[in-house]
């Protein structure tokens, strides 16, 4: 599967990116859009229409991803502002998995999941 992105573009205090994702079985391209904050470069929203829309060329899919970002910023600005104010979440929550022998004090390995 091939993923092609546009160059980051500015739109109303946000940075937007359009993605084209190849669907090899269909020989078509699916679209996705990502909105980032301009100042902190925090990812705010991922928009995807992978099931609804398919395009014959990657340029059309990338443009559709950018248009989705434009629409979301124009119509859902209050939600984006709320996402900007919310604290960033950690990338991954690590859970320590312990074997029984580790809990009993014998030498064992613990791994992060």
C-alpha atoms as a PDB file:
ATOM      1  CA  UNK A   1       0.000   0.000   0.000  1.00  0.00           C
ATOM      2  CA  UNK A   2       1.395   3.361  -1.040  1.00  0.00           C
ATOM      3  CA  UNK A   3       0.682   6.627   0.821  1.00  0.00           C
ATOM      4  CA  UNK A   4       1.380   9.985  -0.847  1.00  0.00           C
ATOM      5  CA  UNK A   5       1.102  13.285   1.055  1.00  0.00           C
ATOM      6  CA  UNK A   6       0.848  16.902   0.013  1.00  0.00           C
ATOM      7  CA  UNK A   7       3.203  19.528   1.319  1.00  0.00           C
ATOM      8  CA  UNK A   8       1.920  21.080   4.562  1.00  0.00           C
ATOM      9  CA  UNK A   9      -0.256  24.122   3.859  1.00  0.00           C
ATOM     10  CA  UNK A  10      -1.470  26.920   6.092  1.00  0.00           C
ATOM     11  CA  UNK A  11      -5.170  27.613   6.388  1.00  0.00           C
ATOM     12  CA  UNK A  12      -6.642  29.978   9.015  1.00  0.00           C
ATOM     13  CA  UNK A  13      -4.029  29.440  11.768  1.00  0.00           C
ATOM     14  CA  UNK A  14      -3.799  25.703  11.117  1.00  0.00           C
ATOM     15  CA  UNK A  15      -1.537  23.449   9.091  1.00  0.00           C
ATOM     16  CA  UNK A  16      -3.291  20.913   6.883  1.00  0.00           C
ATOM     17  CA  UNK A  17      -2.092  17.899   4.943  1.00  0.00           C
ATOM     18  CA  UNK A  18      -3.927  15.831   2.335  1.00  0.00           C
ATOM     19  CA  UNK A  19      -3.087  12.152   1.957  1.00  0.00           C
ATOM     20  CA  UNK A  20      -3.756   9.757  -0.902  1.00  0.00           C
ATOM     21  CA  UNK A  21      -3.774   6.084   0.051  1.00  0.00           C
ATOM     22  CA  UNK A  22      -3.512   3.502  -2.689  1.00  0.00           C
ATOM     23  CA  UNK A  23      -6.141   0.766  -2.811  1.00  0.00           C
ATOM     24  CA  UNK A  24      -4.314  -1.843  -4.917  1.00  0.00           C
ATOM     25  CA  UNK A  25      -7.241  -4.208  -5.353  1.00  0.00           C
ATOM     26  CA  UNK A  26      -9.468  -1.474  -6.693  1.00  0.00           C
ATOM     27  CA  UNK A  27      -6.669   0.328  -8.546  1.00  0.00           C
ATOM     28  CA  UNK A  28      -7.960   3.562  -7.009  1.00  0.00           C
ATOM     29  CA  UNK A  29      -6.868   6.088  -4.376  1.00  0.00           C
ATOM     30  CA  UNK A  30      -8.614   6.872  -1.058  1.00  0.00           C
ATOM     31  CA  UNK A  31      -8.292  10.227   0.708  1.00  0.00           C
ATOM     32  CA  UNK A  32      -7.481  11.393   4.215  1.00  0.00           C
ATOM     33  CA  UNK A  33      -6.807  14.804   5.782  1.00  0.00           C
ATOM     34  CA  UNK A  34      -4.907  15.817   8.919  1.00  0.00           C
ATOM     35  CA  UNK A  35      -5.198  19.129  10.783  1.00  0.00           C
ATOM     36  CA  UNK A  36      -2.341  20.383  12.992  1.00  0.00           C
ATOM     37  CA  UNK A  37      -2.103  23.483  15.168  1.00  0.00           C
ATOM     38  CA  UNK A  38       0.242  26.036  13.667  1.00  0.00           C
ATOM     39  CA  UNK A  39       2.035  27.018  16.866  1.00  0.00           C
ATOM     40  CA  UNK A  40       2.569  23.760  18.747  1.00  0.00           C
ATOM     41  CA  UNK A  41       2.447  21.394  15.748  1.00  0.00           C
ATOM     42  CA  UNK A  42      -0.009  19.270  17.726  1.00  0.00           C
ATOM     43  CA  UNK A  43      -2.191  16.942  15.663  1.00  0.00           C
ATOM     44  CA  UNK A  44      -5.776  18.010  16.244  1.00  0.00           C
ATOM     45  CA  UNK A  45      -7.950  15.987  13.881  1.00  0.00           C
ATOM     46  CA  UNK A  46      -7.707  13.133  11.375  1.00  0.00           C
ATOM     47  CA  UNK A  47     -10.365  13.098   8.708  1.00  0.00           C
ATOM     48  CA  UNK A  48     -10.885  10.091   6.514  1.00  0.00           C
ATOM     49  CA  UNK A  49     -13.449   9.014   3.979  1.00  0.00           C
ATOM     50  CA  UNK A  50     -11.791   5.744   3.150  1.00  0.00           C
ATOM     51  CA  UNK A  51     -15.040   3.857   2.634  1.00  0.00           C
ATOM     52  CA  UNK A  52     -17.060   6.516   0.839  1.00  0.00           C
ATOM     53  CA  UNK A  53     -14.799   7.976  -1.806  1.00  0.00           C
ATOM     54  CA  UNK A  54     -12.305   6.557  -4.292  1.00  0.00           C
ATOM     55  CA  UNK A  55     -10.360   8.506  -6.900  1.00  0.00           C
ATOM     56  CA  UNK A  56      -8.680   7.493 -10.137  1.00  0.00           C
ATOM     57  CA  UNK A  57      -5.544   9.545  -9.476  1.00  0.00           C
ATOM     58  CA  UNK A  58      -3.606  10.471  -6.359  1.00  0.00           C
ATOM     59  CA  UNK A  59      -3.828  14.220  -7.016  1.00  0.00           C
ATOM     60  CA  UNK A  60      -7.608  14.092  -6.817  1.00  0.00           C
ATOM     61  CA  UNK A  61      -7.463  12.157  -3.549  1.00  0.00           C
ATOM     62  CA  UNK A  62      -4.959  14.603  -2.037  1.00  0.00           C
ATOM     63  CA  UNK A  63      -7.110  17.585  -3.069  1.00  0.00           C
ATOM     64  CA  UNK A  64     -10.166  15.926  -1.526  1.00  0.00           C
ATOM     65  CA  UNK A  65      -8.234  15.487   1.739  1.00  0.00           C
ATOM     66  CA  UNK A  66      -7.351  19.183   1.736  1.00  0.00           C
ATOM     67  CA  UNK A  67     -10.960  20.128   0.971  1.00  0.00           C
ATOM     68  CA  UNK A  68     -12.133  18.020   3.940  1.00  0.00           C
ATOM     69  CA  UNK A  69      -9.703  19.924   6.167  1.00  0.00           C
ATOM     70  CA  UNK A  70     -10.964  23.288   4.825  1.00  0.00           C
ATOM     71  CA  UNK A  71     -14.581  22.260   5.455  1.00  0.00           C
ATOM     72  CA  UNK A  72     -13.826  21.048   8.987  1.00  0.00           C
ATOM     73  CA  UNK A  73     -11.951  24.236   9.908  1.00  0.00           C
ATOM     74  CA  UNK A  74     -14.713  26.455   8.480  1.00  0.00           C
ATOM     75  CA  UNK A  75     -17.627  24.595  10.089  1.00  0.00           C
ATOM     76  CA  UNK A  76     -16.210  23.057  13.284  1.00  0.00           C
ATOM     77  CA  UNK A  77     -13.878  25.775  14.506  1.00  0.00           C
ATOM     78  CA  UNK A  78     -15.195  25.625  18.092  1.00  0.00           C
ATOM     79  CA  UNK A  79     -14.307  21.930  18.348  1.00  0.00           C
ATOM     80  CA  UNK A  80     -10.818  22.595  17.004  1.00  0.00           C
ATOM     81  CA  UNK A  81     -10.362  25.353  19.593  1.00  0.00           C
ATOM     82  CA  UNK A  82     -11.431  22.884  22.298  1.00  0.00           C
ATOM     83  CA  UNK A  83      -8.900  20.357  20.993  1.00  0.00           C
ATOM     84  CA  UNK A  84      -6.208  23.047  21.038  1.00  0.00           C
ATOM     85  CA  UNK A  85      -6.861  23.780  24.712  1.00  0.00           C
ATOM     86  CA  UNK A  86      -6.936  20.124  25.802  1.00  0.00           C
ATOM     87  CA  UNK A  87      -3.690  18.673  27.128  1.00  0.00           C
ATOM     88  CA  UNK A  88      -1.811  16.402  24.781  1.00  0.00           C
ATOM     89  CA  UNK A  89      -2.144  12.683  25.425  1.00  0.00           C
ATOM     90  CA  UNK A  90       0.901  10.447  25.790  1.00  0.00           C
ATOM     91  CA  UNK A  91       1.871   8.599  22.631  1.00  0.00           C
ATOM     92  CA  UNK A  92       1.429   5.173  24.142  1.00  0.00           C
ATOM     93  CA  UNK A  93       0.412   3.856  27.505  1.00  0.00           C
ATOM     94  CA  UNK A  94       2.857   1.167  28.493  1.00  0.00           C
ATOM     95  CA  UNK A  95       1.592  -1.713  30.537  1.00  0.00           C
ATOM     96  CA  UNK A  96       4.043  -3.850  32.453  1.00  0.00           C
ATOM     97  CA  UNK A  97       3.371  -7.508  31.906  1.00  0.00           C
ATOM     98  CA  UNK A  98       4.772  -9.633  34.646  1.00  0.00           C
ATOM     99  CA  UNK A  99       5.209 -13.355  34.683  1.00  0.00           C
ATOM    100  CA  UNK A 100       4.448 -15.366  37.813  1.00  0.00           C
ATOM    101  CA  UNK A 101       8.128 -16.097  38.465  1.00  0.00           C
ATOM    102  CA  UNK A 102       8.866 -12.343  38.463  1.00  0.00           C
ATOM    103  CA  UNK A 103       6.274 -11.771  41.171  1.00  0.00           C
ATOM    104  CA  UNK A 104       7.731 -14.560  43.299  1.00  0.00           C
ATOM    105  CA  UNK A 105      11.220 -13.051  43.097  1.00  0.00           C
ATOM    106  CA  UNK A 106      12.903 -15.437  40.679  1.00  0.00           C
ATOM    107  CA  UNK A 107      14.905 -14.102  37.759  1.00  0.00           C
ATOM    108  CA  UNK A 108      12.527 -13.502  34.862  1.00  0.00           C
ATOM    109  CA  UNK A 109      11.972 -11.057  32.074  1.00  0.00           C
ATOM    110  CA  UNK A 110       9.259  -8.387  32.065  1.00  0.00           C
ATOM    111  CA  UNK A 111       8.244  -6.785  28.843  1.00  0.00           C
ATOM    112  CA  UNK A 112       6.451  -3.632  27.812  1.00  0.00           C
ATOM    113  CA  UNK A 113       3.377  -3.990  25.671  1.00  0.00           C
END
